Protein backbone atom coordinates (compact mmCIF):
# COMPACT_ATOMS: atom_id res chain seq x y z
CA MET A 1 85.52 98.30 95.41
CA ASP A 2 82.82 97.45 92.84
CA ALA A 3 85.24 94.86 91.56
CA ILE A 4 84.98 92.91 94.80
CA ASP A 5 81.18 92.93 94.69
CA ARG A 6 81.18 91.71 91.10
CA ILE A 7 83.66 88.94 91.74
CA ILE A 8 81.82 87.87 94.87
CA LYS A 9 78.58 87.75 92.89
CA ARG A 10 80.26 85.83 90.10
CA ILE A 11 81.62 83.08 92.27
CA GLU A 12 79.07 83.22 95.07
CA GLU A 13 77.14 80.21 93.78
CA ASP A 14 80.36 78.26 93.56
CA VAL A 15 81.26 79.32 97.08
CA GLN A 16 77.80 78.57 98.50
CA TRP A 17 78.00 74.87 97.72
CA LYS A 18 81.49 74.82 99.24
CA ILE A 19 80.18 76.51 102.38
CA LYS A 20 77.31 74.00 102.57
CA GLU A 21 79.81 71.20 102.12
CA TYR A 22 81.91 72.58 105.00
CA TRP A 23 78.80 72.98 107.19
CA ASP A 24 77.73 69.41 106.43
CA LYS A 25 81.23 68.14 107.10
CA ALA A 26 81.40 70.12 110.35
CA ASP A 27 77.99 68.77 111.43
CA ARG A 28 79.03 65.20 110.63
CA GLU A 29 82.31 65.67 112.45
CA ILE A 30 80.55 67.19 115.46
CA GLU A 31 78.12 64.27 115.52
CA ARG A 32 80.94 61.74 115.13
CA ILE A 33 82.96 63.35 117.90
CA ARG A 34 79.86 63.68 120.05
CA ASN A 35 79.10 59.95 119.59
CA ILE A 36 82.67 59.04 120.48
CA GLU A 37 82.66 61.35 123.47
CA GLU A 38 79.26 60.11 124.62
CA SER A 39 80.53 56.56 124.31
CA LYS A 40 83.54 57.53 126.41
CA TRP A 41 81.17 59.20 128.80
CA ASP A 42 79.04 56.07 129.13
CA LYS A 43 82.10 54.04 130.07
CA GLU A 44 83.32 56.78 132.37
CA ARG A 45 79.89 57.11 133.98
CA GLU A 46 79.79 53.46 134.95
CA LYS A 47 83.08 53.92 136.77
CA MET A 48 82.09 57.21 138.32
CA GLU A 49 78.56 56.47 139.55
CA SER A 50 79.98 55.20 142.77
CA SER A 51 82.01 58.38 143.34
CA GLY A 52 79.22 60.86 142.59
CA LYS A 53 76.96 62.12 139.85
CA ARG A 54 78.15 65.72 140.00
CA GLU A 55 81.69 64.87 138.97
CA ALA A 56 80.41 62.63 136.17
CA GLU A 57 78.17 65.38 134.77
CA THR A 58 81.10 67.80 134.72
CA ILE A 59 83.18 65.35 132.72
CA LYS A 60 80.31 64.78 130.28
CA GLN A 61 79.94 68.51 129.70
CA MET A 62 83.69 68.83 129.14
CA HIS A 63 83.59 66.14 126.44
CA ILE A 64 80.57 67.69 124.74
CA SER A 65 82.12 71.17 124.91
CA LYS A 66 85.31 69.85 123.35
CA ALA A 67 83.34 68.31 120.48
CA HIS A 68 81.48 71.58 119.98
CA LEU A 69 84.70 73.62 119.97
CA ASP A 70 86.33 71.23 117.51
CA GLY A 71 83.37 71.66 115.17
CA LYS A 72 83.52 75.45 115.44
CA LYS A 73 87.24 75.38 114.71
CA MET A 74 86.64 73.31 111.57
CA LEU A 75 83.97 75.75 110.43
CA MET A 76 86.24 78.76 111.02
CA ASN A 77 89.00 77.10 109.01
CA ALA A 78 86.58 76.38 106.17
CA ARG A 79 85.42 80.01 106.12
CA GLU A 80 89.01 81.22 106.07
CA LYS A 81 89.79 79.02 103.06
CA VAL A 82 86.78 80.40 101.19
CA ILE A 83 87.84 84.00 101.89
CA GLU A 84 91.42 83.31 100.80
CA ARG A 85 90.13 81.73 97.60
CA ILE A 86 88.00 84.79 96.79
CA ILE A 87 90.87 87.20 97.48
CA ASN A 88 93.14 85.13 95.25
CA GLN A 89 90.47 85.23 92.54
CA VAL A 90 90.25 89.04 92.93
CA GLN A 91 93.97 89.29 92.20
CA ILE A 92 93.86 86.90 89.26
CA SER A 93 90.81 88.53 87.67
CA PHE A 94 91.54 92.14 88.68
CA LYS A 95 91.65 93.40 85.09
CA ASP A 96 88.25 91.86 84.36
CA TYR A 97 86.47 93.60 87.22
CA VAL A 98 87.87 97.13 87.31
CA ASN A 99 88.50 99.83 84.76
CA TYR A 100 92.13 98.75 84.52
CA GLU A 101 93.19 101.65 82.31
CA LYS A 102 91.70 104.09 84.85
CA TYR A 103 93.55 102.27 87.65
CA ILE A 104 96.84 102.65 85.73
CA ARG A 105 96.11 106.34 85.02
CA GLU A 106 95.35 107.04 88.70
CA SER A 107 98.45 105.10 89.74
CA LEU A 108 100.62 107.17 87.37
CA GLU A 109 99.03 110.36 88.73
CA ASP A 110 99.81 109.29 92.31
CA ALA A 111 103.36 108.33 91.31
CA LYS A 112 103.78 111.74 89.67
CA ASN A 113 102.73 113.42 92.93
CA VAL A 114 105.34 111.41 94.83
CA LEU A 115 108.19 111.19 92.30
CA GLY A 116 107.69 114.18 89.98
CA ASN A 117 107.35 114.09 86.17
CA ASN A 118 110.44 112.02 85.46
CA PHE A 119 110.48 108.44 86.74
CA GLU A 120 110.69 104.85 85.54
CA VAL A 121 107.82 102.40 85.43
CA ILE A 122 107.86 98.63 85.40
CA ALA A 123 104.74 96.98 83.98
CA MET A 124 103.73 93.57 82.70
CA GLN A 125 104.79 93.02 79.08
CA GLU A 126 101.17 93.06 77.95
CA ASP A 127 100.59 96.45 79.65
CA VAL A 128 103.71 98.31 78.43
CA GLU A 129 102.09 99.93 75.37
CA MET A 130 99.02 101.00 77.34
CA VAL A 131 101.20 102.54 80.08
CA LYS A 132 103.27 104.41 77.46
CA ARG A 133 100.11 105.73 75.81
CA ILE A 134 98.64 106.92 79.11
CA ALA A 135 101.97 108.51 80.12
CA ASP A 136 102.10 110.37 76.79
CA ASP A 137 98.51 111.59 77.31
CA MET A 138 99.53 112.85 80.75
CA GLU A 139 102.70 114.45 79.33
CA LEU A 140 104.94 112.45 81.64
CA ASN A 141 108.57 111.78 80.79
CA LEU A 142 108.71 108.07 81.63
CA LYS A 143 110.85 105.13 80.83
CA VAL A 144 108.48 102.14 80.72
CA MET A 145 110.00 98.69 81.02
CA ALA A 146 108.53 95.20 81.01
CA GLY A 147 108.99 93.24 84.20
CA GLU A 148 107.62 90.40 86.27
CA LEU A 149 104.63 91.82 88.13
CA GLU A 150 102.23 89.24 89.39
CA TYR A 151 98.63 90.07 88.37
CA GLY A 152 99.41 93.49 86.85
CA GLY A 153 99.61 97.13 87.90
CA ILE A 154 102.80 99.19 87.89
CA LEU A 155 105.89 99.75 89.99
CA ALA A 156 107.15 103.36 89.82
CA ILE A 157 110.82 104.10 90.58
CA SER A 158 112.43 107.52 90.94
CA SER A 159 115.12 108.50 88.41
CA ASP A 160 117.80 108.11 91.08
CA SER A 161 116.32 104.70 92.09
CA LEU A 162 116.03 105.82 95.71
CA LYS A 163 112.22 105.78 95.90
CA LYS A 164 109.80 103.10 94.80
CA VAL A 165 106.04 103.35 94.78
CA ASP A 166 104.17 100.06 94.42
CA TYR A 167 100.89 100.18 92.49
CA THR A 168 100.84 96.49 91.59
CA VAL A 169 97.58 94.60 91.91
CA LYS A 170 99.14 92.53 94.68
CA ALA A 171 100.07 95.69 96.63
CA PHE A 172 96.57 97.13 96.06
CA VAL A 173 94.98 93.98 97.47
CA GLU A 174 97.38 93.96 100.45
CA ARG A 175 96.61 97.62 101.22
CA ASN A 176 92.88 96.90 101.16
CA MET A 177 93.00 93.41 102.71
CA GLY A 178 91.21 94.28 105.96
CA ASP A 179 88.28 95.96 104.26
CA MET A 180 88.07 93.27 101.59
CA ARG A 181 88.06 90.44 104.13
CA LYS A 182 85.33 92.10 106.17
CA ARG A 183 83.13 92.81 103.13
CA ILE A 184 83.53 89.26 101.84
CA TYR A 185 82.81 87.80 105.29
CA VAL A 186 79.67 89.88 105.78
CA LYS A 187 78.47 89.12 102.24
CA LEU A 188 78.93 85.37 102.57
CA PHE A 189 78.31 84.65 106.24
CA GLY A 190 76.25 87.58 107.51
CA GLU A 191 76.88 90.54 109.77
CA GLU A 192 76.76 88.51 112.99
CA TYR A 193 79.97 86.71 112.04
CA ALA A 194 82.03 89.79 111.14
């Protein structure tokens, strides 16, 4: 998972200004809503003074709580967008942040354990020669074909086409999504938010 740490570090400055922007926007929105709600409260209070201060205070607190919850919701949505952006960047830049050849080698080794020595592999056109070279080094009898794999990795298929093992970058990210999200969240927003 060193790749995640490196990508987080690489774009952390970019993300920090975005987080600050979301915080500022949330603060402004909270203040705007609070002003509106306090204005509503002032009008409501004039009507309610005759019927009792306790009921008026309850309504005021409801309006303020609503403004506070709306602000928190905006902030949570902003954080979610930042995390999604980082995860998308991890997929796009996967080859830049991991030993990609080692990832392919380990994926072929895992596929061999599941499918045996004779299976087919689909890889991105740009990766076909590398996959063939690694398979030859590992003495695997593979048919390597170019295919549409978003972000890279390999898709291994048994000779009888009954079993498929997905080692694409997208599948890797999906398998590790929970851990990645938590690590990103803690890194950017602190442990108390995780």
